[in-house]
Amino acid sequence: MKQMNDIEAKLRQLPQMADEGLSGLKADSMLKARIERAAMGQEEKSGVKVRFTLPRWVPAACCAAAVALFIALTPMQEKPINIQTNSLGPATEAPVNLLSDLDNTDVKIVSGNNAPGYRSIWSKSSGGSFPLIGVNGTYYRMLTSPRNVSSSLMGASLGTIAEYTTEPSLSGTDVILSNKAAFGTEVYEISGMGGTLVTAEVDGAMRLFQRVSFNGNALRGSEDLEDTLQVDGRVIGLELSGVGTITDADVCQELLDILFDNASYDSSGSISSQQSLLMEIDNGLVVQMAVKNDRLAACGVWNCPEFFEAFEEACE
């Protein structure tokens, strides 16, 4: 135990030792320029390229940097360190990205032989509610795709957010409200989509919201499924996770006809599942329904075994 304590004590002293041993050494742009000039000078004198030998202190500096990095990664160092590197010599044609864009959520439906895996484009719930906009009793859930709605898709204004609340379930149905878009934000329809989709600015980007059930609110008056999902004649791709994809627009329309003609209303609630039906529209947007057994849900829960039977046959 004493030996471990001695080692820890010495490790704690390493930064100070490195500072004292490398006093006056500053790895900045001037140092880089000195090294590059030295290399170029050797080449010019000999007329040929020579192998550049680093100064004697560079290995020591690298060793000290490695020790400092080791200390930074131990529990003794709580503050994270951001390390940037720059290679000597000519710049490459393009920078190398070490991290992929993990937040690229633009969704497209493509044909394939394998059954697609489950994916959801509904934004996740936080604090008991999903990110939403309520427009006088109709509710819209934020989608992860696209990250920024094109202005060419925006239709008429529905008004502005008059109430921002973290508890939308406690609010009335006679107001435009949101738990995501700020007070005063303009809410727009998506052109040609009826009341299926709306868009509003969130954190500097125009985000898309799809009509869904919320807090027991689903259909209004004599609405049916087609009224809440106005995609008739516009779907160019269907993806049913675990089953297959359809990218023939005519077949997609035939399946939608079966769905709209045969779906029966079950409830104003929702379903929890690991299966989804994605619908790609001819304007590039995608909407979703959750799927479980013979039921589908977005704005209300609907039964339609005929749709699933026809979908499987179309995939054969």
Protein backbone atom coordinates (compact mmCIF):
# COMPACT_ATOMS: atom_id res chain seq x y z
CA MET A 1 0.00 0.00 0.00
CA LYS A 2 2.85 2.37 0.87
CA GLN A 3 4.47 1.62 -2.49
CA MET A 4 1.25 2.48 -4.30
CA ASN A 5 0.97 5.76 -2.38
CA ASP A 6 4.57 6.63 -3.32
CA ILE A 7 3.85 5.93 -6.99
CA GLU A 8 0.71 8.07 -6.88
CA ALA A 9 2.61 10.90 -5.21
CA LYS A 10 5.28 10.79 -7.92
CA LEU A 11 2.66 10.76 -10.63
CA ARG A 12 1.10 13.87 -9.14
CA GLN A 13 4.52 15.56 -9.35
CA LEU A 14 5.03 14.70 -13.03
CA PRO A 15 3.30 17.82 -14.43
CA GLN A 16 5.54 20.05 -12.32
CA MET A 17 8.63 18.02 -13.29
CA ALA A 18 7.66 18.27 -16.98
CA ASP A 19 7.12 22.01 -16.69
CA GLU A 20 10.55 22.49 -15.08
CA GLY A 21 12.35 20.18 -17.53
CA LEU A 22 10.75 21.74 -20.59
CA SER A 23 10.76 25.33 -19.35
CA GLY A 24 10.81 27.74 -22.25
CA LEU A 25 9.64 25.15 -24.77
CA LYS A 26 6.43 26.24 -26.48
CA ALA A 27 4.94 23.95 -29.16
CA ASP A 28 3.26 26.71 -31.13
CA SER A 29 3.16 27.78 -34.79
CA MET A 30 6.57 29.46 -34.46
CA LEU A 31 8.17 26.19 -33.36
CA LYS A 32 6.52 24.38 -36.26
CA ALA A 33 7.84 27.00 -38.69
CA ARG A 34 11.39 26.65 -37.27
CA ILE A 35 11.34 22.91 -37.81
CA GLU A 36 9.99 23.23 -41.36
CA ARG A 37 12.58 25.91 -42.26
CA ALA A 38 15.36 23.71 -40.93
CA ALA A 39 14.16 20.82 -43.09
CA MET A 40 13.90 23.01 -46.18
CA GLY A 41 17.36 24.44 -45.57
CA GLN A 42 18.94 21.00 -45.56
CA GLU A 43 17.19 20.12 -48.83
CA GLU A 44 18.32 23.34 -50.55
CA LYS A 45 21.98 22.88 -49.57
CA SER A 46 22.26 19.33 -50.88
CA GLY A 47 19.90 19.70 -53.83
CA VAL A 48 18.19 16.45 -52.88
CA LYS A 49 15.60 15.48 -50.36
CA VAL A 50 17.11 14.32 -47.09
CA ARG A 51 15.52 12.55 -44.23
CA PHE A 52 14.73 15.08 -41.57
CA THR A 53 16.04 14.26 -38.13
CA LEU A 54 14.14 15.68 -35.21
CA PRO A 55 16.04 17.71 -32.61
CA ARG A 56 17.15 15.80 -29.50
CA TRP A 57 14.59 17.42 -27.29
CA VAL A 58 11.60 16.24 -29.41
CA PRO A 59 11.58 12.62 -28.08
CA ALA A 60 11.68 14.00 -24.57
CA ALA A 61 8.81 16.34 -25.36
CA CYS A 62 6.79 13.47 -26.81
CA CYS A 63 7.49 11.38 -23.72
CA ALA A 64 6.39 14.20 -21.47
CA ALA A 65 3.23 14.66 -23.53
CA ALA A 66 2.45 10.95 -23.23
CA VAL A 67 2.89 11.09 -19.46
CA ALA A 68 0.65 14.16 -19.26
CA LEU A 69 -2.01 12.36 -21.32
CA PHE A 70 -1.80 9.34 -19.00
CA ILE A 71 -2.37 11.57 -15.99
CA ALA A 72 -5.28 13.27 -17.75
CA LEU A 73 -6.99 9.92 -18.24
CA THR A 74 -6.70 8.86 -14.59
CA PRO A 75 -9.46 9.59 -12.04
CA MET A 76 -7.19 12.23 -10.44
CA GLN A 77 -7.94 14.56 -13.35
CA GLU A 78 -11.59 15.54 -13.42
CA LYS A 79 -11.49 18.25 -16.08
CA PRO A 80 -11.49 16.76 -19.59
CA ILE A 81 -8.62 17.76 -21.87
CA ASN A 82 -9.17 18.57 -25.51
CA ILE A 83 -6.05 17.64 -27.53
CA GLN A 84 -5.55 18.93 -31.04
CA THR A 85 -2.86 17.61 -33.40
CA ASN A 86 -1.31 18.95 -36.57
CA SER A 87 1.07 17.03 -38.82
CA LEU A 88 4.29 18.62 -40.07
CA GLY A 89 4.92 18.88 -43.79
CA PRO A 90 2.64 19.70 -46.72
CA ALA A 91 -1.07 19.83 -46.03
CA THR A 92 -3.20 17.04 -47.41
CA GLU A 93 -5.80 17.77 -50.07
CA ALA A 94 -8.65 17.42 -47.59
CA PRO A 95 -8.87 17.11 -43.80
CA VAL A 96 -9.52 13.69 -42.32
CA ASN A 97 -12.66 13.44 -40.17
CA LEU A 98 -12.05 11.21 -37.18
CA LEU A 99 -15.68 11.24 -36.09
CA SER A 100 -18.59 10.38 -38.35
CA ASP A 101 -21.76 12.45 -38.29
CA LEU A 102 -23.68 10.34 -35.80
CA ASP A 103 -26.65 12.66 -35.94
CA ASN A 104 -27.46 12.37 -39.60
CA THR A 105 -31.12 11.47 -39.50
CA ASP A 106 -32.43 12.14 -43.02
CA VAL A 107 -34.49 9.04 -43.81
CA LYS A 108 -35.09 7.51 -47.21
CA ILE A 109 -36.76 4.24 -48.15
CA VAL A 110 -34.75 2.07 -50.52
CA SER A 111 -35.59 -1.31 -51.97
CA GLY A 112 -33.74 -4.37 -50.74
CA ASN A 113 -34.02 -8.13 -50.53
CA ASN A 114 -33.67 -8.32 -46.75
CA ALA A 115 -36.37 -7.41 -44.26
CA PRO A 116 -35.51 -3.96 -42.88
CA GLY A 117 -34.70 -3.52 -39.22
CA TYR A 118 -36.78 -1.41 -36.88
CA ARG A 119 -36.26 2.34 -36.97
CA SER A 120 -38.32 5.19 -35.58
CA ILE A 121 -38.27 8.81 -36.69
CA TRP A 122 -40.37 10.09 -33.77
CA SER A 123 -38.37 12.15 -31.32
CA LYS A 124 -38.00 10.48 -27.95
CA SER A 125 -39.98 11.46 -24.87
CA SER A 126 -38.36 13.46 -22.12
CA GLY A 127 -39.85 14.34 -18.75
CA GLY A 128 -43.01 12.37 -19.46
CA SER A 129 -43.93 13.97 -22.80
CA PHE A 130 -42.54 13.80 -26.30
CA PRO A 131 -41.58 17.06 -28.08
CA LEU A 132 -44.85 18.40 -29.47
CA ILE A 133 -46.92 21.25 -30.79
CA GLY A 134 -50.62 21.50 -29.98
CA VAL A 135 -52.88 23.46 -32.33
CA ASN A 136 -56.29 23.96 -30.73
CA GLY A 137 -56.66 20.35 -29.65
CA THR A 138 -54.76 18.61 -32.44
CA TYR A 139 -51.27 17.45 -31.53
CA TYR A 140 -48.08 16.97 -33.51
CA ARG A 141 -44.97 15.05 -32.50
CA MET A 142 -41.53 16.23 -33.60
CA LEU A 143 -39.71 13.99 -36.10
CA THR A 144 -35.98 13.41 -36.25
CA SER A 145 -35.99 13.78 -40.04
CA PRO A 146 -35.38 16.13 -41.72
CA ARG A 147 -33.11 18.29 -39.60
CA ASN A 148 -34.28 21.42 -41.42
CA VAL A 149 -37.48 21.68 -43.46
CA SER A 150 -37.06 23.43 -46.80
CA SER A 151 -38.91 26.74 -47.10
CA SER A 152 -40.36 25.48 -50.39
CA LEU A 153 -42.47 22.95 -48.44
CA MET A 154 -44.00 25.50 -46.07
CA GLY A 155 -47.65 26.41 -46.46
CA ALA A 156 -49.92 28.80 -44.60
CA SER A 157 -49.24 30.03 -41.08
CA LEU A 158 -51.43 28.54 -38.36
CA GLY A 159 -50.46 31.18 -35.83
CA THR A 160 -47.80 31.49 -33.17
CA ILE A 161 -46.98 29.56 -29.99
CA ALA A 162 -49.07 31.31 -27.35
CA GLU A 163 -48.13 29.00 -24.50
CA TYR A 164 -44.83 27.34 -23.78
CA THR A 165 -45.18 24.65 -21.13
CA THR A 166 -43.29 21.65 -19.80
CA GLU A 167 -46.65 20.08 -18.84
CA PRO A 168 -48.74 20.18 -22.02
CA SER A 169 -51.15 17.58 -20.63
CA LEU A 170 -52.35 20.19 -18.14
CA SER A 171 -53.08 22.83 -20.78
CA GLY A 172 -56.35 23.49 -22.57
CA THR A 173 -57.26 22.61 -26.15
CA ASP A 174 -58.04 26.16 -27.24
CA VAL A 175 -54.49 27.41 -27.66
CA ILE A 176 -51.38 26.87 -29.80
CA LEU A 177 -48.82 25.47 -27.40
CA SER A 178 -45.52 23.61 -27.32
CA ASN A 179 -43.01 22.08 -24.96
CA LYS A 180 -40.27 22.43 -27.59
CA ALA A 181 -40.80 25.50 -29.78
CA ALA A 182 -40.40 28.83 -28.00
CA PHE A 183 -43.19 31.28 -27.16
CA GLY A 184 -44.03 33.45 -30.17
CA THR A 185 -42.68 30.96 -32.74
CA GLU A 186 -44.65 30.82 -35.99
CA VAL A 187 -46.24 27.44 -36.88
CA TYR A 188 -46.78 26.55 -40.54
CA GLU A 189 -48.61 23.83 -42.42
CA ILE A 190 -46.71 21.66 -44.87
CA SER A 191 -48.07 22.52 -48.29
CA GLY A 192 -50.47 19.95 -49.74
CA MET A 193 -50.48 17.78 -46.60
CA GLY A 194 -53.66 19.07 -44.96
CA GLY A 195 -53.36 18.73 -41.20
CA THR A 196 -50.89 15.83 -41.32
CA LEU A 197 -47.67 17.79 -40.82
CA VAL A 198 -46.64 21.17 -39.44
CA THR A 199 -43.28 22.86 -39.07
CA ALA A 200 -41.85 25.38 -36.62
CA GLU A 201 -38.44 26.69 -35.65
CA VAL A 202 -36.66 24.81 -32.87
CA ASP A 203 -33.14 25.80 -31.84
CA GLY A 204 -32.56 27.69 -35.06
CA ALA A 205 -33.85 25.03 -37.49
CA MET A 206 -37.28 24.41 -39.00
CA ARG A 207 -38.36 21.06 -37.56
CA LEU A 208 -41.12 18.76 -38.76
CA PHE A 209 -44.03 17.59 -36.58
CA GLN A 210 -46.51 14.79 -37.42
CA ARG A 211 -50.08 14.57 -36.15
CA VAL A 212 -50.48 12.00 -33.37
CA SER A 213 -52.60 11.15 -30.35
CA PHE A 214 -51.87 12.91 -27.09
CA ASN A 215 -53.49 12.83 -23.68
CA GLY A 216 -56.60 11.07 -25.01
CA ASN A 217 -56.96 13.47 -27.93
CA ALA A 218 -56.95 11.91 -31.40
CA LEU A 219 -59.79 12.29 -33.91
CA ARG A 220 -61.81 15.48 -34.13
CA GLY A 221 -65.49 15.24 -35.05
CA SER A 222 -66.14 12.81 -37.92
CA GLU A 223 -62.49 12.36 -38.95
CA ASP A 224 -61.16 9.01 -40.11
CA LEU A 225 -57.63 7.68 -40.68
CA GLU A 226 -57.27 9.29 -44.10
CA ASP A 227 -58.12 12.70 -42.62
CA THR A 228 -55.26 12.47 -40.12
CA LEU A 229 -52.83 10.95 -42.63
CA GLN A 230 -53.32 12.88 -45.86
CA VAL A 231 -50.83 11.04 -48.06
CA ASP A 232 -53.21 9.53 -50.61
CA GLY A 233 -51.67 9.48 -54.10
CA ARG A 234 -48.33 10.79 -52.85
CA VAL A 235 -46.53 7.80 -51.28
CA ILE A 236 -43.54 6.52 -53.26
CA GLY A 237 -42.12 4.12 -50.67
CA LEU A 238 -43.30 1.94 -47.79
CA GLU A 239 -41.11 0.23 -45.22
CA LEU A 240 -42.53 -2.27 -42.71
CA SER A 241 -39.78 -3.30 -40.32
CA GLY A 242 -39.26 -7.03 -40.15
CA VAL A 243 -41.26 -7.58 -43.35
CA GLY A 244 -39.98 -5.63 -46.36
CA THR A 245 -39.95 -2.47 -48.46
CA ILE A 246 -42.08 -1.37 -51.41
CA THR A 247 -40.76 1.32 -53.76
CA ASP A 248 -43.26 0.97 -56.59
CA ALA A 249 -45.61 3.96 -56.26
CA ASP A 250 -48.54 2.05 -57.80
CA VAL A 251 -48.17 -0.84 -55.37
CA CYS A 252 -47.86 1.64 -52.50
CA GLN A 253 -51.15 3.22 -53.54
CA GLU A 254 -52.88 -0.17 -53.73
CA LEU A 255 -51.74 -0.94 -50.18
CA LEU A 256 -52.88 2.46 -48.93
CA ASP A 257 -56.30 1.92 -50.52
CA ILE A 258 -56.60 -1.32 -48.54
CA LEU A 259 -55.52 0.46 -45.37
CA PHE A 260 -57.87 3.43 -45.70
CA ASP A 261 -60.83 1.26 -46.78
CA ASN A 262 -60.51 -1.38 -44.08
CA ALA A 263 -58.90 0.20 -41.01
CA SER A 264 -61.21 0.29 -37.99
CA TYR A 265 -60.74 2.74 -35.15
CA ASP A 266 -59.66 1.12 -31.89
CA SER A 267 -58.83 3.90 -29.44
CA SER A 268 -57.45 7.39 -28.95
CA GLY A 269 -54.34 6.03 -27.27
CA SER A 270 -51.05 4.72 -28.60
CA ILE A 271 -49.08 1.48 -28.75
CA SER A 272 -45.57 0.59 -27.65
CA SER A 273 -43.71 -1.61 -30.08
CA GLN A 274 -40.47 -2.34 -31.88
CA GLN A 275 -42.03 -2.32 -35.33
CA SER A 276 -42.89 0.64 -37.55
CA LEU A 277 -44.41 1.51 -40.90
CA LEU A 278 -42.58 4.33 -42.68
CA MET A 279 -44.14 6.15 -45.62
CA GLU A 280 -42.01 8.24 -47.96
CA ILE A 281 -43.91 11.04 -49.67
CA ASP A 282 -43.15 12.51 -53.09
CA ASN A 283 -41.97 15.76 -51.47
CA GLY A 284 -39.10 13.90 -49.77
CA LEU A 285 -40.65 13.79 -46.30
CA VAL A 286 -41.35 10.61 -44.33
CA VAL A 287 -44.17 9.89 -41.85
CA GLN A 288 -44.53 6.99 -39.46
CA MET A 289 -47.02 4.68 -37.80
CA ALA A 290 -46.20 2.38 -34.91
CA VAL A 291 -47.10 -1.27 -35.54
CA LYS A 292 -48.00 -4.13 -33.24
CA ASN A 293 -49.66 -7.34 -34.44
CA ASP A 294 -52.51 -6.18 -36.73
CA ARG A 295 -52.67 -2.67 -35.30
CA LEU A 296 -51.19 0.64 -36.42
CA ALA A 297 -50.98 3.87 -34.46
CA ALA A 298 -50.21 7.53 -35.05
CA CYS A 299 -53.27 9.69 -34.53
CA GLY A 300 -55.34 6.96 -32.86
CA VAL A 301 -54.95 3.19 -32.90
CA TRP A 302 -56.33 1.27 -35.89
CA ASN A 303 -56.95 -2.41 -36.66
CA CYS A 304 -56.28 -3.61 -40.20
CA PRO A 305 -55.17 -7.25 -40.71
CA GLU A 306 -56.01 -6.94 -44.42
CA PHE A 307 -53.23 -4.39 -44.88
CA PHE A 308 -50.56 -6.62 -43.37
CA GLU A 309 -51.64 -9.63 -45.40
CA ALA A 310 -51.49 -7.60 -48.61
CA PHE A 311 -48.11 -6.10 -47.67
CA GLU A 312 -46.55 -9.52 -47.12
CA GLU A 313 -47.92 -10.75 -50.44
CA ALA A 314 -46.52 -7.71 -52.23
CA CYS A 315 -43.07 -8.42 -50.79
CA GLU A 316 -43.02 -12.05 -52.05
